[in-house]
Amino acid sequence: MSNILILIKKDFMHLPEKSSYNNNYYKNTKRNYEIFEECDEAYNSFDFYLVDGKSEIYLGCTYESISEDIESKPHLEIDFKK
């Protein structure tokens, strides 16, 4: 069974110094945590991880990036796995 995790896109700031081509890091500017977004071009999907120190906790996946369509789609819904 899965649940939906909803992120508010405008609350995240891209971290270009940590990011590379298909691997992007974002910092939540309100709660001060980082999300790692990994793009899989073969499946056109994105996996999301909560970055906590040196570990990464898998959150789930979706078919949309945090940075896509911020104005028309302000929320990102991630298929959250328990």
N, C-alpha and C. Protein backbone atom coordinates (compact mmCIF):
# COMPACT_ATOMS: atom_id res chain seq x y z
N MET A 1 0.84 -1.18 0.00
CA MET A 1 0.00 0.00 0.00
C MET A 1 0.88 1.24 0.00
N SER A 2 0.48 2.22 -0.72
CA SER A 2 1.25 3.46 -0.76
C SER A 2 0.36 4.65 -0.41
N ASN A 3 0.99 5.72 -0.03
CA ASN A 3 0.32 6.97 0.29
C ASN A 3 0.90 8.05 -0.61
N ILE A 4 0.29 9.21 -0.58
CA ILE A 4 0.78 10.33 -1.37
C ILE A 4 1.44 11.34 -0.45
N LEU A 5 2.66 11.71 -0.77
CA LEU A 5 3.40 12.76 -0.08
C LEU A 5 3.31 14.00 -0.95
N ILE A 6 2.88 15.12 -0.39
CA ILE A 6 2.72 16.34 -1.18
C ILE A 6 3.76 17.37 -0.74
N LEU A 7 4.53 17.86 -1.71
CA LEU A 7 5.52 18.90 -1.47
C LEU A 7 5.05 20.19 -2.15
N ILE A 8 5.25 21.30 -1.49
CA ILE A 8 4.92 22.61 -2.07
C ILE A 8 6.18 23.10 -2.78
N LYS A 9 6.12 23.15 -4.10
CA LYS A 9 7.30 23.42 -4.92
C LYS A 9 8.00 24.74 -4.58
N LYS A 10 7.23 25.79 -4.33
CA LYS A 10 7.84 27.10 -4.09
C LYS A 10 8.64 27.15 -2.79
N ASP A 11 8.48 26.16 -1.92
CA ASP A 11 9.23 26.11 -0.66
C ASP A 11 10.63 25.55 -0.85
N PHE A 12 10.96 25.13 -2.08
CA PHE A 12 12.27 24.51 -2.33
C PHE A 12 13.15 25.39 -3.20
N MET A 13 14.42 25.44 -2.82
CA MET A 13 15.42 26.20 -3.56
C MET A 13 16.43 25.19 -4.13
N HIS A 14 16.70 25.30 -5.41
CA HIS A 14 17.67 24.42 -6.08
C HIS A 14 19.07 24.70 -5.54
N LEU A 15 19.85 23.64 -5.32
CA LEU A 15 21.22 23.76 -4.84
C LEU A 15 22.17 23.37 -5.98
N PRO A 16 22.52 24.31 -6.85
CA PRO A 16 23.33 23.98 -8.03
C PRO A 16 24.73 23.48 -7.68
N GLU A 17 25.27 23.90 -6.55
CA GLU A 17 26.62 23.48 -6.17
C GLU A 17 26.68 21.99 -5.82
N LYS A 18 25.57 21.39 -5.45
CA LYS A 18 25.52 19.96 -5.12
C LYS A 18 24.94 19.13 -6.25
N SER A 19 24.29 19.78 -7.19
CA SER A 19 23.54 19.09 -8.24
C SER A 19 24.40 18.84 -9.48
N SER A 20 23.99 17.84 -10.25
CA SER A 20 24.59 17.58 -11.55
C SER A 20 23.48 17.16 -12.50
N TYR A 21 23.82 16.84 -13.70
CA TYR A 21 22.88 16.62 -14.81
C TYR A 21 21.50 16.07 -14.39
N ASN A 22 21.43 14.83 -13.98
CA ASN A 22 20.14 14.22 -13.61
C ASN A 22 19.97 14.04 -12.11
N ASN A 23 20.84 14.61 -11.35
CA ASN A 23 20.81 14.48 -9.90
C ASN A 23 20.74 15.87 -9.28
N ASN A 24 19.58 16.21 -8.78
CA ASN A 24 19.38 17.56 -8.26
C ASN A 24 19.04 17.55 -6.78
N TYR A 25 19.62 18.51 -6.10
CA TYR A 25 19.36 18.70 -4.68
C TYR A 25 18.57 19.98 -4.49
N TYR A 26 17.61 19.92 -3.57
CA TYR A 26 16.77 21.07 -3.24
C TYR A 26 16.72 21.21 -1.72
N LYS A 27 16.70 22.45 -1.27
CA LYS A 27 16.59 22.72 0.16
C LYS A 27 15.23 23.34 0.43
N ASN A 28 14.54 22.83 1.45
CA ASN A 28 13.28 23.43 1.86
C ASN A 28 13.62 24.67 2.67
N THR A 29 13.20 25.81 2.19
CA THR A 29 13.59 27.08 2.81
C THR A 29 12.82 27.38 4.08
N LYS A 30 11.73 26.69 4.32
CA LYS A 30 10.95 26.93 5.53
C LYS A 30 11.32 25.98 6.66
N ARG A 31 11.68 24.75 6.32
CA ARG A 31 11.95 23.75 7.35
C ARG A 31 13.40 23.27 7.38
N ASN A 32 14.21 23.78 6.46
CA ASN A 32 15.66 23.54 6.46
C ASN A 32 16.06 22.06 6.32
N TYR A 33 15.45 21.35 5.39
CA TYR A 33 15.88 19.99 5.08
C TYR A 33 16.14 19.91 3.58
N GLU A 34 16.86 18.87 3.17
CA GLU A 34 17.21 18.70 1.76
C GLU A 34 16.53 17.48 1.17
N ILE A 35 16.19 17.63 -0.11
CA ILE A 35 15.62 16.55 -0.91
C ILE A 35 16.56 16.30 -2.09
N PHE A 36 16.83 15.03 -2.36
CA PHE A 36 17.60 14.64 -3.53
C PHE A 36 16.61 14.09 -4.56
N GLU A 37 16.68 14.62 -5.76
CA GLU A 37 15.80 14.21 -6.86
C GLU A 37 16.66 13.55 -7.93
N GLU A 38 16.40 12.28 -8.20
CA GLU A 38 17.17 11.53 -9.19
C GLU A 38 16.27 11.23 -10.39
N CYS A 39 16.69 11.69 -11.55
CA CYS A 39 15.91 11.49 -12.78
C CYS A 39 16.34 10.20 -13.47
N ASP A 40 15.37 9.40 -13.86
CA ASP A 40 15.62 8.20 -14.65
C ASP A 40 15.07 8.47 -16.05
N GLU A 41 15.95 8.81 -16.98
CA GLU A 41 15.52 9.16 -18.33
C GLU A 41 14.87 8.00 -19.06
N ALA A 42 15.29 6.78 -18.77
CA ALA A 42 14.73 5.61 -19.46
C ALA A 42 13.23 5.45 -19.16
N TYR A 43 12.83 5.77 -17.94
CA TYR A 43 11.43 5.63 -17.54
C TYR A 43 10.73 6.98 -17.40
N ASN A 44 11.45 8.06 -17.66
CA ASN A 44 10.91 9.42 -17.52
C ASN A 44 10.25 9.60 -16.14
N SER A 45 11.00 9.18 -15.10
CA SER A 45 10.48 9.27 -13.74
C SER A 45 11.53 9.89 -12.83
N PHE A 46 11.09 10.27 -11.64
CA PHE A 46 11.96 10.91 -10.66
C PHE A 46 11.80 10.19 -9.33
N ASP A 47 12.93 9.80 -8.74
CA ASP A 47 12.94 9.22 -7.40
C ASP A 47 13.37 10.30 -6.43
N PHE A 48 12.76 10.32 -5.26
CA PHE A 48 13.03 11.35 -4.27
C PHE A 48 13.54 10.74 -2.97
N TYR A 49 14.54 11.41 -2.39
CA TYR A 49 15.15 10.96 -1.15
C TYR A 49 15.25 12.15 -0.20
N LEU A 50 15.02 11.89 1.07
CA LEU A 50 15.29 12.87 2.11
C LEU A 50 16.74 12.70 2.49
N VAL A 51 17.51 13.77 2.42
CA VAL A 51 18.94 13.71 2.75
C VAL A 51 19.10 14.13 4.20
N ASP A 52 19.60 13.19 5.00
CA ASP A 52 19.75 13.42 6.43
C ASP A 52 21.20 13.12 6.80
N GLY A 53 22.03 14.16 6.85
CA GLY A 53 23.45 13.94 7.11
C GLY A 53 24.08 13.21 5.96
N LYS A 54 24.59 12.00 6.23
CA LYS A 54 25.24 11.22 5.18
C LYS A 54 24.34 10.13 4.61
N SER A 55 23.14 10.01 5.13
CA SER A 55 22.24 8.98 4.63
C SER A 55 21.13 9.59 3.77
N GLU A 56 20.55 8.75 2.93
CA GLU A 56 19.44 9.16 2.09
C GLU A 56 18.28 8.21 2.36
N ILE A 57 17.11 8.76 2.66
CA ILE A 57 15.93 7.97 2.96
C ILE A 57 14.99 8.07 1.76
N TYR A 58 14.70 6.93 1.16
CA TYR A 58 13.85 6.91 -0.03
C TYR A 58 12.43 7.35 0.33
N LEU A 59 11.90 8.31 -0.42
CA LEU A 59 10.55 8.82 -0.18
C LEU A 59 9.54 8.23 -1.16
N GLY A 60 9.94 8.08 -2.41
CA GLY A 60 9.03 7.57 -3.42
C GLY A 60 9.35 8.15 -4.79
N CYS A 61 8.41 7.99 -5.73
CA CYS A 61 8.68 8.45 -7.09
C CYS A 61 7.46 9.14 -7.68
N THR A 62 7.72 9.85 -8.77
CA THR A 62 6.68 10.54 -9.51
C THR A 62 7.18 10.76 -10.94
N TYR A 63 6.35 11.33 -11.77
CA TYR A 63 6.73 11.61 -13.16
C TYR A 63 6.92 13.10 -13.40
N GLU A 64 7.20 13.83 -12.33
CA GLU A 64 7.35 15.28 -12.42
C GLU A 64 8.48 15.75 -11.51
N SER A 65 9.23 16.73 -11.96
CA SER A 65 10.33 17.30 -11.18
C SER A 65 9.80 18.40 -10.27
N ILE A 66 10.53 18.68 -9.20
CA ILE A 66 10.18 19.79 -8.32
C ILE A 66 10.18 21.09 -9.11
N SER A 67 11.09 21.23 -10.06
CA SER A 67 11.25 22.49 -10.78
C SER A 67 10.29 22.67 -11.96
N GLU A 68 9.51 21.66 -12.31
CA GLU A 68 8.59 21.74 -13.46
C GLU A 68 7.29 22.44 -13.12
N ASP A 69 6.84 23.31 -14.00
CA ASP A 69 5.50 23.91 -13.94
C ASP A 69 5.11 24.43 -12.56
N ILE A 70 5.97 25.22 -11.96
CA ILE A 70 5.71 25.72 -10.61
C ILE A 70 4.45 26.57 -10.56
N GLU A 71 4.21 27.36 -11.58
CA GLU A 71 3.04 28.24 -11.58
C GLU A 71 1.73 27.46 -11.79
N SER A 72 1.71 26.56 -12.75
CA SER A 72 0.47 25.84 -13.04
C SER A 72 0.24 24.64 -12.13
N LYS A 73 1.32 24.07 -11.61
CA LYS A 73 1.22 22.92 -10.69
C LYS A 73 2.07 23.21 -9.46
N PRO A 74 1.52 23.92 -8.48
CA PRO A 74 2.32 24.34 -7.33
C PRO A 74 2.68 23.23 -6.35
N HIS A 75 2.01 22.08 -6.46
CA HIS A 75 2.27 20.97 -5.56
C HIS A 75 2.84 19.78 -6.33
N LEU A 76 3.71 19.05 -5.68
CA LEU A 76 4.28 17.84 -6.26
C LEU A 76 3.77 16.66 -5.44
N GLU A 77 3.13 15.71 -6.10
CA GLU A 77 2.61 14.52 -5.42
C GLU A 77 3.55 13.36 -5.68
N ILE A 78 4.10 12.81 -4.60
CA ILE A 78 5.03 11.69 -4.68
C ILE A 78 4.33 10.44 -4.17
N ASP A 79 4.46 9.36 -4.91
CA ASP A 79 3.92 8.08 -4.46
C ASP A 79 4.82 7.59 -3.34
N PHE A 80 4.41 7.85 -2.11
CA PHE A 80 5.22 7.61 -0.91
C PHE A 80 5.13 6.14 -0.52
N LYS A 81 6.29 5.51 -0.37
CA LYS A 81 6.35 4.09 0.02
C LYS A 81 6.68 3.98 1.50
N LYS A 82 5.94 3.15 2.20
CA LYS A 82 6.21 2.93 3.63
C LYS A 82 7.35 1.98 3.81
